[in-house]
C-alpha atoms as a PDB file:
ATOM      1  CA  MET A   1       0.000   0.000   0.000  1.00  0.00           C
ATOM      2  CA  THR A   2       1.373   3.400  -0.987  1.00  0.00           C
ATOM      3  CA  THR A   3       0.286   6.783   0.333  1.00  0.00           C
ATOM      4  CA  SER A   4       1.130   9.994  -1.446  1.00  0.00           C
ATOM      5  CA  LEU A   5       0.759  13.454   0.072  1.00  0.00           C
ATOM      6  CA  SER A   6       1.491  16.693  -1.729  1.00  0.00           C
ATOM      7  CA  VAL A   7       1.093  20.225  -0.384  1.00  0.00           C
ATOM      8  CA  ALA A   8       0.939  23.210  -2.695  1.00  0.00           C
ATOM      9  CA  GLN A   9       2.669  26.197  -1.175  1.00  0.00           C
ATOM     10  CA  LYS A  10       0.904  29.498  -1.800  1.00  0.00           C
ATOM     11  CA  ASP A  11       2.798  32.471  -3.112  1.00  0.00           C
ATOM     12  CA  VAL A  12       3.202  34.493   0.070  1.00  0.00           C
ATOM     13  CA  GLU A  13       5.660  37.017  -1.333  1.00  0.00           C
ATOM     14  CA  LYS A  14       4.161  40.404  -1.904  1.00  0.00           C
ATOM     15  CA  TRP A  15       6.034  42.739  -4.226  1.00  0.00           C
ATOM     16  CA  LYS A  16       4.915  46.246  -5.126  1.00  0.00           C
ATOM     17  CA  LEU A  17       6.289  48.922  -7.409  1.00  0.00           C
ATOM     18  CA  GLN A  18       5.451  52.449  -6.242  1.00  0.00           C
ATOM     19  CA  LEU A  19       5.686  55.732  -8.127  1.00  0.00           C
ATOM     20  CA  ALA A  20       4.597  59.068  -6.654  1.00  0.00           C
ATOM     21  CA  LEU A  21       4.688  62.737  -7.633  1.00  0.00           C
ATOM     22  CA  GLY A  22       4.303  65.638  -5.232  1.00  0.00           C
ATOM     23  CA  VAL A  23       5.692  68.727  -3.519  1.00  0.00           C
ATOM     24  CA  ASN A  24       8.367  69.358  -0.893  1.00  0.00           C
ATOM     25  CA  ASN A  25       9.676  71.841   1.650  1.00  0.00           C
ATOM     26  CA  PRO A  26      13.413  71.848   2.516  1.00  0.00           C
ATOM     27  CA  ILE A  27      14.136  72.972   6.089  1.00  0.00           C
ATOM     28  CA  ASP A  28      17.600  74.365   6.872  1.00  0.00           C
ATOM     29  CA  HIS A  29      16.908  75.777  10.377  1.00  0.00           C
ATOM     30  CA  GLY A  30      18.176  79.265   9.457  1.00  0.00           C
ATOM     31  CA  GLN A  31      21.712  78.154   8.595  1.00  0.00           C
ATOM     32  CA  ASP A  32      21.793  80.190   5.377  1.00  0.00           C
ATOM     33  CA  PRO A  33      20.856  83.817   6.183  1.00  0.00           C
ATOM     34  CA  GLY A  34      19.533  85.591   3.098  1.00  0.00           C
ATOM     35  CA  TYR A  35      18.538  82.320   1.365  1.00  0.00           C
ATOM     36  CA  TYR A  36      14.923  81.184   1.812  1.00  0.00           C
ATOM     37  CA  SER A  37      13.177  78.436  -0.099  1.00  0.00           C
ATOM     38  CA  LYS A  38       9.548  78.457  -1.128  1.00  0.00           C
ATOM     39  CA  TYR A  39       7.266  76.633   1.295  1.00  0.00           C
ATOM     40  CA  VAL A  40       5.875  74.533  -1.567  1.00  0.00           C
ATOM     41  CA  ASN A  41       8.347  73.310  -4.191  1.00  0.00           C
ATOM     42  CA  PHE A  42       7.742  71.088  -7.222  1.00  0.00           C
ATOM     43  CA  PRO A  43       8.562  68.388  -8.090  1.00  0.00           C
ATOM     44  CA  THR A  44       9.048  65.549  -5.663  1.00  0.00           C
ATOM     45  CA  ILE A  45       9.417  62.209  -7.474  1.00  0.00           C
ATOM     46  CA  ASN A  46       9.552  58.994  -5.410  1.00  0.00           C
ATOM     47  CA  LEU A  47      10.200  55.528  -6.871  1.00  0.00           C
ATOM     48  CA  GLY A  48      10.273  52.409  -4.708  1.00  0.00           C
ATOM     49  CA  VAL A  49      10.097  48.627  -4.581  1.00  0.00           C
ATOM     50  CA  GLN A  50       8.385  47.034  -1.581  1.00  0.00           C
ATOM     51  CA  HIS A  51       8.298  43.455  -0.307  1.00  0.00           C
ATOM     52  CA  MET A  52       5.942  42.226   2.437  1.00  0.00           C
ATOM     53  CA  PHE A  53       7.289  39.373   4.563  1.00  0.00           C
ATOM     54  CA  SER A  54       4.013  38.853   6.420  1.00  0.00           C
ATOM     55  CA  ARG A  55       0.517  40.328   6.596  1.00  0.00           C
ATOM     56  CA  ASN A  56       1.794  43.388   8.452  1.00  0.00           C
ATOM     57  CA  TRP A  57       5.580  43.679   8.093  1.00  0.00           C
ATOM     58  CA  GLY A  58       7.730  44.367   5.094  1.00  0.00           C
ATOM     59  CA  THR A  59      10.581  46.436   3.729  1.00  0.00           C
ATOM     60  CA  LYS A  60      11.144  48.783   0.840  1.00  0.00           C
ATOM     61  CA  LEU A  61      13.946  50.457  -1.042  1.00  0.00           C
ATOM     62  CA  ASP A  62      13.077  53.844  -2.472  1.00  0.00           C
ATOM     63  CA  VAL A  63      14.676  56.796  -4.190  1.00  0.00           C
ATOM     64  CA  GLY A  64      13.391  60.357  -3.975  1.00  0.00           C
ATOM     65  CA  TYR A  65      14.290  63.335  -6.167  1.00  0.00           C
ATOM     66  CA  ASN A  66      13.297  66.846  -5.075  1.00  0.00           C
ATOM     67  CA  ARG A  67      13.784  70.288  -6.614  1.00  0.00           C
ATOM     68  CA  ALA A  68      13.473  73.497  -4.582  1.00  0.00           C
ATOM     69  CA  SER A  69      13.948  77.163  -5.424  1.00  0.00           C
ATOM     70  CA  SER A  70      14.230  80.499  -3.667  1.00  0.00           C
ATOM     71  CA  GLU A  71      11.306  82.475  -2.285  1.00  0.00           C
ATOM     72  CA  ASN A  72      10.614  86.092  -3.264  1.00  0.00           C
ATOM     73  CA  GLY A  73      12.989  88.327  -1.288  1.00  0.00           C
ATOM     74  CA  SER A  74      15.667  85.611  -1.099  1.00  0.00           C
ATOM     75  CA  ILE A  75      18.991  85.613  -2.912  1.00  0.00           C
ATOM     76  CA  PRO A  76      18.116  83.527  -6.024  1.00  0.00           C
ATOM     77  CA  TYR A  77      19.083  79.833  -6.071  1.00  0.00           C
ATOM     78  CA  LYS A  78      17.844  76.366  -7.009  1.00  0.00           C
ATOM     79  CA  LEU A  79      18.524  73.085  -5.213  1.00  0.00           C
ATOM     80  CA  ASN A  80      18.475  69.407  -6.162  1.00  0.00           C
ATOM     81  CA  TYR A  81      17.903  67.065  -3.193  1.00  0.00           C
ATOM     82  CA  THR A  82      18.135  63.319  -3.808  1.00  0.00           C
ATOM     83  CA  ARG A  83      17.746  60.593  -1.193  1.00  0.00           C
ATOM     84  CA  VAL A  84      17.976  56.785  -1.061  1.00  0.00           C
ATOM     85  CA  ASN A  85      16.352  54.949   1.872  1.00  0.00           C
ATOM     86  CA  VAL A  86      15.890  51.388   3.113  1.00  0.00           C
ATOM     87  CA  GLN A  87      12.753  51.305   5.251  1.00  0.00           C
ATOM     88  CA  ALA A  88      10.683  48.988   7.386  1.00  0.00           C
ATOM     89  CA  VAL A  89       6.998  48.942   6.434  1.00  0.00           C
ATOM     90  CA  TYR A  90       4.060  48.253   8.769  1.00  0.00           C
ATOM     91  CA  ASP A  91       0.496  47.732   7.527  1.00  0.00           C
ATOM     92  CA  PHE A  92      -2.170  48.699  10.102  1.00  0.00           C
ATOM     93  CA  LYS A  93      -4.912  46.511   8.576  1.00  0.00           C
ATOM     94  CA  ASP A  94      -5.177  44.270  11.668  1.00  0.00           C
ATOM     95  CA  LEU A  95      -5.414  47.285  14.013  1.00  0.00           C
ATOM     96  CA  PHE A  96      -7.698  49.576  12.008  1.00  0.00           C
ATOM     97  CA  THR A  97     -10.402  47.003  11.270  1.00  0.00           C
ATOM     98  CA  PHE A  98     -13.067  49.734  11.213  1.00  0.00           C
ATOM     99  CA  LEU A  99     -11.790  51.089   7.871  1.00  0.00           C
ATOM    100  CA  PRO A 100     -13.717  50.165   4.708  1.00  0.00           C
ATOM    101  CA  PRO A 101     -12.059  47.323   2.715  1.00  0.00           C
ATOM    102  CA  PRO A 102     -10.629  49.520  -0.087  1.00  0.00           C
ATOM    103  CA  ILE A 103      -8.736  51.760   2.377  1.00  0.00           C
ATOM    104  CA  GLY A 104      -5.399  50.934   3.999  1.00  0.00           C
ATOM    105  CA  ILE A 105      -2.889  52.804   6.164  1.00  0.00           C
ATOM    106  CA  VAL A 106       0.823  51.958   6.025  1.00  0.00           C
ATOM    107  CA  ALA A 107       3.719  53.436   8.027  1.00  0.00           C
ATOM    108  CA  HIS A 108       7.313  53.399   6.793  1.00  0.00           C
ATOM    109  CA  ALA A 109      10.606  54.409   8.408  1.00  0.00           C
ATOM    110  CA  GLY A 110      14.292  53.812   7.959  1.00  0.00           C
ATOM    111  CA  PRO A 111      17.801  55.171   7.377  1.00  0.00           C
ATOM    112  CA  GLY A 112      19.200  56.533   4.173  1.00  0.00           C
ATOM    113  CA  VAL A 113      21.587  58.881   2.427  1.00  0.00           C
ATOM    114  CA  SER A 114      20.805  62.424   1.260  1.00  0.00           C
ATOM    115  CA  MET A 115      22.694  64.129  -1.571  1.00  0.00           C
ATOM    116  CA  THR A 116      22.215  67.857  -2.134  1.00  0.00           C
ATOM    117  CA  LYS A 117      23.508  69.971  -4.995  1.00  0.00           C
ATOM    118  CA  PRO A 118      22.707  73.646  -5.528  1.00  0.00           C
ATOM    119  CA  LEU A 119      22.601  74.738  -9.154  1.00  0.00           C
ATOM    120  CA  GLY A 120      24.269  77.608 -10.964  1.00  0.00           C
ATOM    121  CA  ASN A 121      26.910  79.617  -9.104  1.00  0.00           C
ATOM    122  CA  TYR A 122      26.778  77.342  -6.032  1.00  0.00           C
ATOM    123  CA  ALA A 123      27.109  73.998  -7.852  1.00  0.00           C
ATOM    124  CA  ASN A 124      30.275  73.041  -5.949  1.00  0.00           C
ATOM    125  CA  ASN A 125      28.562  73.353  -2.540  1.00  0.00           C
ATOM    126  CA  THR A 126      27.430  69.730  -2.447  1.00  0.00           C
ATOM    127  CA  TYR A 127      26.733  67.497   0.540  1.00  0.00           C
ATOM    128  CA  THR A 128      26.257  63.777   1.112  1.00  0.00           C
ATOM    129  CA  TYR A 129      24.947  62.890   4.576  1.00  0.00           C
ATOM    130  CA  LEU A 130      22.787  60.423   6.476  1.00  0.00           C
ATOM    131  CA  ASN A 131      19.067  60.821   7.029  1.00  0.00           C
ATOM    132  CA  LEU A 132      16.270  59.147   8.976  1.00  0.00           C
ATOM    133  CA  LEU A 133      12.988  59.051   7.064  1.00  0.00           C
ATOM    134  CA  GLY A 134       9.531  58.423   8.475  1.00  0.00           C
ATOM    135  CA  GLY A 135       6.128  58.647   6.862  1.00  0.00           C
ATOM    136  CA  VAL A 136       2.570  57.407   6.466  1.00  0.00           C
ATOM    137  CA  GLU A 137       0.715  56.296   3.346  1.00  0.00           C
ATOM    138  CA  LEU A 138      -3.066  56.268   2.863  1.00  0.00           C
ATOM    139  CA  HIS A 139      -4.042  53.753   0.161  1.00  0.00           C
ATOM    140  CA  TYR A 140      -7.246  53.378  -1.835  1.00  0.00           C
ATOM    141  CA  ARG A 141      -7.599  50.133  -3.784  1.00  0.00           C
ATOM    142  CA  LEU A 142      -8.687  50.482  -7.401  1.00  0.00           C
ATOM    143  CA  SER A 143      -8.336  46.762  -8.238  1.00  0.00           C
ATOM    144  CA  LYS A 144      -6.717  43.653  -6.779  1.00  0.00           C
ATOM    145  CA  SER A 145      -3.282  44.758  -8.005  1.00  0.00           C
ATOM    146  CA  VAL A 146      -3.492  48.566  -8.247  1.00  0.00           C
ATOM    147  CA  SER A 147      -3.994  51.208  -5.593  1.00  0.00           C
ATOM    148  CA  MET A 148      -3.685  54.973  -5.410  1.00  0.00           C
ATOM    149  CA  PHE A 149      -2.016  56.456  -2.342  1.00  0.00           C
ATOM    150  CA  VAL A 150      -1.043  59.679  -0.612  1.00  0.00           C
ATOM    151  CA  ASP A 151       2.343  59.630   1.127  1.00  0.00           C
ATOM    152  CA  GLY A 152       3.557  62.187   3.643  1.00  0.00           C
ATOM    153  CA  GLY A 153       7.133  61.936   4.893  1.00  0.00           C
ATOM    154  CA  TYR A 154       9.900  63.736   6.757  1.00  0.00           C
ATOM    155  CA  ALA A 155      13.622  63.127   6.133  1.00  0.00           C
ATOM    156  CA  TYR A 156      15.584  64.224   9.191  1.00  0.00           C
ATOM    157  CA  GLY A 157      19.134  65.127   8.210  1.00  0.00           C
ATOM    158  CA  VAL A 158      22.074  63.786  10.232  1.00  0.00           C
ATOM    159  CA  PRO A 159      24.903  65.852   8.719  1.00  0.00           C
ATOM    160  CA  GLY A 160      28.357  66.567  10.054  1.00  0.00           C
ATOM    161  CA  LYS A 161      29.082  69.866  11.777  1.00  0.00           C
ATOM    162  CA  ASP A 162      31.024  71.324   8.858  1.00  0.00           C
ATOM    163  CA  LYS A 163      29.082  73.641   6.566  1.00  0.00           C
ATOM    164  CA  TYR A 164      30.037  76.000   3.783  1.00  0.00           C
ATOM    165  CA  ASP A 165      30.491  79.606   4.875  1.00  0.00           C
ATOM    166  CA  VAL A 166      27.494  81.386   3.402  1.00  0.00           C
ATOM    167  CA  THR A 167      29.329  84.736   3.214  1.00  0.00           C
ATOM    168  CA  ARG A 168      32.214  83.270   1.171  1.00  0.00           C
ATOM    169  CA  HIS A 169      30.726  80.298  -0.660  1.00  0.00           C
ATOM    170  CA  GLY A 170      27.033  81.206  -1.011  1.00  0.00           C
ATOM    171  CA  PHE A 171      24.120  78.820  -0.670  1.00  0.00           C
ATOM    172  CA  SER A 172      24.451  75.203   0.474  1.00  0.00           C
ATOM    173  CA  PHE A 173      22.034  72.772   2.120  1.00  0.00           C
ATOM    174  CA  ASN A 174      22.409  69.896   4.584  1.00  0.00           C
ATOM    175  CA  GLY A 175      19.082  70.095   6.402  1.00  0.00           C
ATOM    176  CA  ASP A 176      15.766  68.251   6.571  1.00  0.00           C
ATOM    177  CA  LEU A 177      13.099  67.719   3.928  1.00  0.00           C
ATOM    178  CA  MET A 178       9.369  67.259   4.212  1.00  0.00           C
ATOM    179  CA  TYR A 179       7.194  66.052   1.307  1.00  0.00           C
ATOM    180  CA  VAL A 180       3.666  65.091   0.285  1.00  0.00           C
ATOM    181  CA  ALA A 181       3.135  62.975  -2.826  1.00  0.00           C
ATOM    182  CA  ILE A 182       0.309  61.219  -4.657  1.00  0.00           C
ATOM    183  CA  GLY A 183       1.110  57.973  -6.395  1.00  0.00           C
ATOM    184  CA  VAL A 184       0.186  54.578  -7.724  1.00  0.00           C
ATOM    185  CA  SER A 185       1.168  51.205  -6.261  1.00  0.00           C
ATOM    186  CA  LEU A 186       1.290  48.179  -8.589  1.00  0.00           C
ATOM    187  CA  SER A 187       1.445  44.591  -7.309  1.00  0.00           C
ATOM    188  CA  LEU A 188       4.168  42.511  -8.950  1.00  0.00           C
ATOM    189  CA  GLY A 189       3.551  39.175  -7.193  1.00  0.00           C
ATOM    190  CA  GLY A 190       0.949  37.167  -5.321  1.00  0.00           C
ATOM    191  CA  CYS A 191      -1.690  38.963  -3.273  1.00  0.00           C
ATOM    192  CA  ASP A 192      -1.705  37.034   0.018  1.00  0.00           C
ATOM    193  CA  TYR A 193      -0.393  40.108   1.844  1.00  0.00           C
ATOM    194  CA  CYS A 194      -2.373  42.832   0.108  1.00  0.00           C
ATOM    195  CA  TYR A 195      -3.191  45.967   2.106  1.00  0.00           C
ATOM    196  CA  TYR A 196      -6.878  45.062   2.154  1.00  0.00           C
END
């Protein structure tokens, strides 16, 4: 007598590709007197790949590009701010059970690297420094594999103490950045760990 037992393993990996477009506000804590950025700057472009290890926990790697420019009354300048972050992801679906099925809330946080480069006359005043990013996403499911989301985040800069002398070198930036972006999230794998 022969007995045969086979178990099909479900695809529990959950991959998502995320793309978002929004606005930003660089915060330099008054380190550059005479240089003031607009409160709302465009664009912010975020691109990320996310993998969920379980129903609630996952990780993502994302890249953000931000452009900022001077406010009226400031010495004119433009700034490119790019960041790369590795983040932990937590899906609140088991805690916020009162939300309608299409809606999900996801928190993300983790370390990264910020790279800033002013344009024009200040192009040599570049910085590369660490950051700590935290944020929250509000998702709305459009289909089983596509959702729209709003992401708000804050990148806290952890720069060294050295900074360009504004009176001799002009504008430079090694501060924080806050952003709000609207995007689309596309599932690339199985849907066992969807947000919904």
